[in-house]
Amino acid sequence: MNISLLSKWWWKLEKEEGLCQDIIRYKYLRNDTIHSVAHILNDSSVWYDMLKVKEIYLLGRTVWIRSGNITRFWKDAWLYQQSICEIAPVLFELCDQKDITVDKMRSGEVAMTFRRGLPKDLRNSWEHIWRDASSFPLNERV
């Protein structure tokens, strides 16, 4: 029940307007998105607990790609039925940019790098994913 309650708070933070949401956004999300926010030392205990279930909440929501500026390349199921990190876990573990967004990846603003050279089978998998991602139509309206 606690996971459900905390997930609902994430949903309210994303979808509803109000004084409570404004305060939380100002305090914790001022320079971050829901995808990139991380625990810091002076977090409240409630916020700390919310961060523990953030990935569960993000897995259970529908992703609307639009411009790709908040859609996570590896962790959101935007290209296939599952996220790319679930489809290609070895590539995900080897990549240096685990939290890159789709628009930064496709624009070339950030180049995808891996911790070591990829053997032929992993290189082929990466090239297949990159071809699919490059040809995926994005809606440029935000």
C-alpha atoms as a PDB file:
ATOM      1  CA  MET A   1       0.000   0.000   0.000  1.00  0.00           C
ATOM      2  CA  ASN A   2       2.892   2.344   0.725  1.00  0.00           C
ATOM      3  CA  ILE A   3       4.246   1.955  -2.820  1.00  0.00           C
ATOM      4  CA  SER A   4       0.787   2.743  -4.203  1.00  0.00           C
ATOM      5  CA  LEU A   5       0.457   5.847  -2.045  1.00  0.00           C
ATOM      6  CA  LEU A   6       3.917   7.131  -2.934  1.00  0.00           C
ATOM      7  CA  SER A   7       3.293   6.448  -6.634  1.00  0.00           C
ATOM      8  CA  LYS A   8       0.054   8.396  -6.430  1.00  0.00           C
ATOM      9  CA  TRP A   9       1.984  11.313  -4.962  1.00  0.00           C
ATOM     10  CA  TRP A  10       4.322  11.175  -7.982  1.00  0.00           C
ATOM     11  CA  TRP A  11       1.298  11.191 -10.270  1.00  0.00           C
ATOM     12  CA  LYS A  12      -0.234  14.181  -8.450  1.00  0.00           C
ATOM     13  CA  LEU A  13       3.093  15.983  -8.642  1.00  0.00           C
ATOM     14  CA  GLU A  14       3.179  15.466 -12.400  1.00  0.00           C
ATOM     15  CA  LYS A  15      -0.506  15.969 -13.269  1.00  0.00           C
ATOM     16  CA  GLU A  16      -2.066  18.327 -10.742  1.00  0.00           C
ATOM     17  CA  GLU A  17      -1.565  21.943  -9.778  1.00  0.00           C
ATOM     18  CA  GLY A  18      -1.659  23.276  -6.242  1.00  0.00           C
ATOM     19  CA  LEU A  19       0.328  24.902  -3.486  1.00  0.00           C
ATOM     20  CA  CYS A  20       1.785  21.598  -2.274  1.00  0.00           C
ATOM     21  CA  GLN A  21       2.954  20.665  -5.797  1.00  0.00           C
ATOM     22  CA  ASP A  22       4.418  24.152  -6.309  1.00  0.00           C
ATOM     23  CA  ILE A  23       6.427  23.900  -3.080  1.00  0.00           C
ATOM     24  CA  ILE A  24       7.748  20.417  -3.885  1.00  0.00           C
ATOM     25  CA  ARG A  25       8.638  21.421  -7.465  1.00  0.00           C
ATOM     26  CA  TYR A  26      10.459  24.500  -6.196  1.00  0.00           C
ATOM     27  CA  LYS A  27      12.340  22.656  -3.459  1.00  0.00           C
ATOM     28  CA  TYR A  28      13.232  19.415  -5.243  1.00  0.00           C
ATOM     29  CA  LEU A  29      12.650  19.777  -8.982  1.00  0.00           C
ATOM     30  CA  ARG A  30      13.847  23.316  -9.628  1.00  0.00           C
ATOM     31  CA  ASN A  31      16.713  22.264 -11.907  1.00  0.00           C
ATOM     32  CA  ASP A  32      15.661  18.677 -12.598  1.00  0.00           C
ATOM     33  CA  THR A  33      12.919  16.666 -14.191  1.00  0.00           C
ATOM     34  CA  ILE A  34      11.142  13.779 -12.554  1.00  0.00           C
ATOM     35  CA  HIS A  35      13.466  11.504 -14.529  1.00  0.00           C
ATOM     36  CA  SER A  36      16.738  13.058 -13.440  1.00  0.00           C
ATOM     37  CA  VAL A  37      16.087  14.059  -9.824  1.00  0.00           C
ATOM     38  CA  ALA A  38      18.243  12.187  -7.328  1.00  0.00           C
ATOM     39  CA  HIS A  39      18.608  11.962  -3.565  1.00  0.00           C
ATOM     40  CA  ILE A  40      20.596  14.704  -1.837  1.00  0.00           C
ATOM     41  CA  LEU A  41      21.729  14.901   1.762  1.00  0.00           C
ATOM     42  CA  ASN A  42      19.067  17.274   3.138  1.00  0.00           C
ATOM     43  CA  ASP A  43      16.006  15.551   1.594  1.00  0.00           C
ATOM     44  CA  SER A  44      12.991  15.108   3.833  1.00  0.00           C
ATOM     45  CA  SER A  45      12.116  11.556   4.821  1.00  0.00           C
ATOM     46  CA  VAL A  46       8.935  11.651   2.691  1.00  0.00           C
ATOM     47  CA  TRP A  47      10.867  12.807  -0.391  1.00  0.00           C
ATOM     48  CA  TYR A  48      13.514  10.169   0.285  1.00  0.00           C
ATOM     49  CA  ASP A  49      10.779   7.499   0.354  1.00  0.00           C
ATOM     50  CA  MET A  50       9.258   8.894  -2.849  1.00  0.00           C
ATOM     51  CA  LEU A  51      12.615   8.594  -4.578  1.00  0.00           C
ATOM     52  CA  LYS A  52      12.761   4.925  -3.576  1.00  0.00           C
ATOM     53  CA  VAL A  53       9.630   4.195  -5.667  1.00  0.00           C
ATOM     54  CA  LYS A  54      10.335   6.637  -8.509  1.00  0.00           C
ATOM     55  CA  GLU A  55      11.477   3.921 -10.934  1.00  0.00           C
ATOM     56  CA  ILE A  56       8.414   1.804 -10.114  1.00  0.00           C
ATOM     57  CA  TYR A  57       6.182   4.792 -10.847  1.00  0.00           C
ATOM     58  CA  LEU A  58       7.990   5.570 -14.098  1.00  0.00           C
ATOM     59  CA  LEU A  59       7.681   1.954 -15.270  1.00  0.00           C
ATOM     60  CA  GLY A  60       3.934   2.013 -14.806  1.00  0.00           C
ATOM     61  CA  ARG A  61       3.125   5.101 -16.833  1.00  0.00           C
ATOM     62  CA  THR A  62       2.452   5.665 -20.496  1.00  0.00           C
ATOM     63  CA  VAL A  63       5.161   7.515 -22.357  1.00  0.00           C
ATOM     64  CA  TRP A  64       4.217  10.251 -24.840  1.00  0.00           C
ATOM     65  CA  ILE A  65       7.303  10.968 -26.883  1.00  0.00           C
ATOM     66  CA  ARG A  66       6.523  14.403 -28.358  1.00  0.00           C
ATOM     67  CA  SER A  67       9.937  16.048 -28.840  1.00  0.00           C
ATOM     68  CA  GLY A  68      11.809  13.475 -26.741  1.00  0.00           C
ATOM     69  CA  ASN A  69      13.169  16.079 -24.336  1.00  0.00           C
ATOM     70  CA  ILE A  70      12.052  14.180 -21.207  1.00  0.00           C
ATOM     71  CA  THR A  71      11.806  10.659 -22.603  1.00  0.00           C
ATOM     72  CA  ARG A  72      14.733   8.584 -21.400  1.00  0.00           C
ATOM     73  CA  PHE A  73      16.490   6.770 -24.253  1.00  0.00           C
ATOM     74  CA  TRP A  74      17.372   3.631 -22.293  1.00  0.00           C
ATOM     75  CA  LYS A  75      14.814   3.435 -19.482  1.00  0.00           C
ATOM     76  CA  ASP A  76      11.454   4.363 -21.062  1.00  0.00           C
ATOM     77  CA  ALA A  77       9.538   2.023 -23.357  1.00  0.00           C
ATOM     78  CA  TRP A  78       9.345   4.474 -26.252  1.00  0.00           C
ATOM     79  CA  LEU A  79      10.845   2.542 -29.170  1.00  0.00           C
ATOM     80  CA  TYR A  80       9.753  -1.023 -28.451  1.00  0.00           C
ATOM     81  CA  GLN A  81       7.216  -2.656 -26.117  1.00  0.00           C
ATOM     82  CA  GLN A  82       9.921  -2.796 -23.441  1.00  0.00           C
ATOM     83  CA  SER A  83      12.612  -0.300 -22.551  1.00  0.00           C
ATOM     84  CA  ILE A  84      15.900  -0.622 -24.406  1.00  0.00           C
ATOM     85  CA  CYS A  85      17.720  -1.352 -21.131  1.00  0.00           C
ATOM     86  CA  GLU A  86      15.493  -4.429 -20.697  1.00  0.00           C
ATOM     87  CA  ILE A  87      15.953  -5.554 -24.296  1.00  0.00           C
ATOM     88  CA  ALA A  88      19.729  -5.014 -24.349  1.00  0.00           C
ATOM     89  CA  PRO A  89      20.939  -5.171 -20.723  1.00  0.00           C
ATOM     90  CA  VAL A  90      24.591  -5.727 -21.641  1.00  0.00           C
ATOM     91  CA  LEU A  91      24.659  -2.633 -23.866  1.00  0.00           C
ATOM     92  CA  PHE A  92      22.956  -0.660 -21.111  1.00  0.00           C
ATOM     93  CA  GLU A  93      25.523  -1.748 -18.533  1.00  0.00           C
ATOM     94  CA  LEU A  94      28.389  -0.806 -20.842  1.00  0.00           C
ATOM     95  CA  CYS A  95      27.048   2.615 -21.857  1.00  0.00           C
ATOM     96  CA  ASP A  96      28.295   5.768 -20.158  1.00  0.00           C
ATOM     97  CA  GLN A  97      25.107   7.816 -20.688  1.00  0.00           C
ATOM     98  CA  LYS A  98      22.427   5.842 -18.832  1.00  0.00           C
ATOM     99  CA  ASP A  99      20.070   8.805 -18.307  1.00  0.00           C
ATOM    100  CA  ILE A 100      20.317  10.476 -21.709  1.00  0.00           C
ATOM    101  CA  THR A 101      17.076  11.714 -23.258  1.00  0.00           C
ATOM    102  CA  VAL A 102      15.877  10.757 -26.729  1.00  0.00           C
ATOM    103  CA  ASP A 103      16.259  14.275 -28.150  1.00  0.00           C
ATOM    104  CA  LYS A 104      19.853  14.676 -26.909  1.00  0.00           C
ATOM    105  CA  MET A 105      20.753  11.289 -28.334  1.00  0.00           C
ATOM    106  CA  ARG A 106      19.146  11.860 -31.717  1.00  0.00           C
ATOM    107  CA  SER A 107      20.390  15.434 -32.111  1.00  0.00           C
ATOM    108  CA  GLY A 108      23.976  14.353 -31.522  1.00  0.00           C
ATOM    109  CA  GLU A 109      24.242  16.815 -28.628  1.00  0.00           C
ATOM    110  CA  VAL A 110      25.635  13.935 -26.576  1.00  0.00           C
ATOM    111  CA  ALA A 111      27.476  11.089 -28.267  1.00  0.00           C
ATOM    112  CA  MET A 112      26.813   7.585 -26.985  1.00  0.00           C
ATOM    113  CA  THR A 113      29.984   6.063 -25.619  1.00  0.00           C
ATOM    114  CA  PHE A 114      30.638   2.680 -24.093  1.00  0.00           C
ATOM    115  CA  ARG A 115      33.162   1.709 -21.412  1.00  0.00           C
ATOM    116  CA  ARG A 116      34.927  -0.626 -23.804  1.00  0.00           C
ATOM    117  CA  GLY A 117      34.836  -1.641 -27.428  1.00  0.00           C
ATOM    118  CA  LEU A 118      31.823  -3.665 -28.452  1.00  0.00           C
ATOM    119  CA  PRO A 119      32.260  -7.165 -29.876  1.00  0.00           C
ATOM    120  CA  LYS A 120      30.600  -7.829 -33.218  1.00  0.00           C
ATOM    121  CA  ASP A 121      27.281  -9.158 -31.844  1.00  0.00           C
ATOM    122  CA  LEU A 122      26.846  -6.204 -29.444  1.00  0.00           C
ATOM    123  CA  ARG A 123      27.904  -3.731 -32.144  1.00  0.00           C
ATOM    124  CA  ASN A 124      25.272  -5.234 -34.473  1.00  0.00           C
ATOM    125  CA  SER A 125      22.633  -4.971 -31.733  1.00  0.00           C
ATOM    126  CA  TRP A 126      23.580  -1.348 -31.090  1.00  0.00           C
ATOM    127  CA  GLU A 127      23.484  -0.495 -34.807  1.00  0.00           C
ATOM    128  CA  HIS A 128      20.019  -2.075 -35.100  1.00  0.00           C
ATOM    129  CA  ILE A 129      18.720  -0.096 -32.104  1.00  0.00           C
ATOM    130  CA  TRP A 130      20.295   3.110 -33.410  1.00  0.00           C
ATOM    131  CA  ARG A 131      18.725   2.620 -36.875  1.00  0.00           C
ATOM    132  CA  ASP A 132      15.293   2.114 -35.287  1.00  0.00           C
ATOM    133  CA  ALA A 133      15.746   5.099 -32.967  1.00  0.00           C
ATOM    134  CA  SER A 134      16.961   7.361 -35.766  1.00  0.00           C
ATOM    135  CA  SER A 135      13.969   6.580 -37.948  1.00  0.00           C
ATOM    136  CA  PHE A 136      11.372   6.834 -35.146  1.00  0.00           C
ATOM    137  CA  PRO A 137       9.080   9.806 -35.893  1.00  0.00           C
ATOM    138  CA  LEU A 138       9.041  12.449 -33.171  1.00  0.00           C
ATOM    139  CA  ASN A 139       6.348  15.077 -32.794  1.00  0.00           C
ATOM    140  CA  GLU A 140       8.280  18.326 -32.508  1.00  0.00           C
ATOM    141  CA  ARG A 141       5.484  20.119 -30.660  1.00  0.00           C
ATOM    142  CA  VAL A 142       6.098  20.281 -26.913  1.00  0.00           C
END
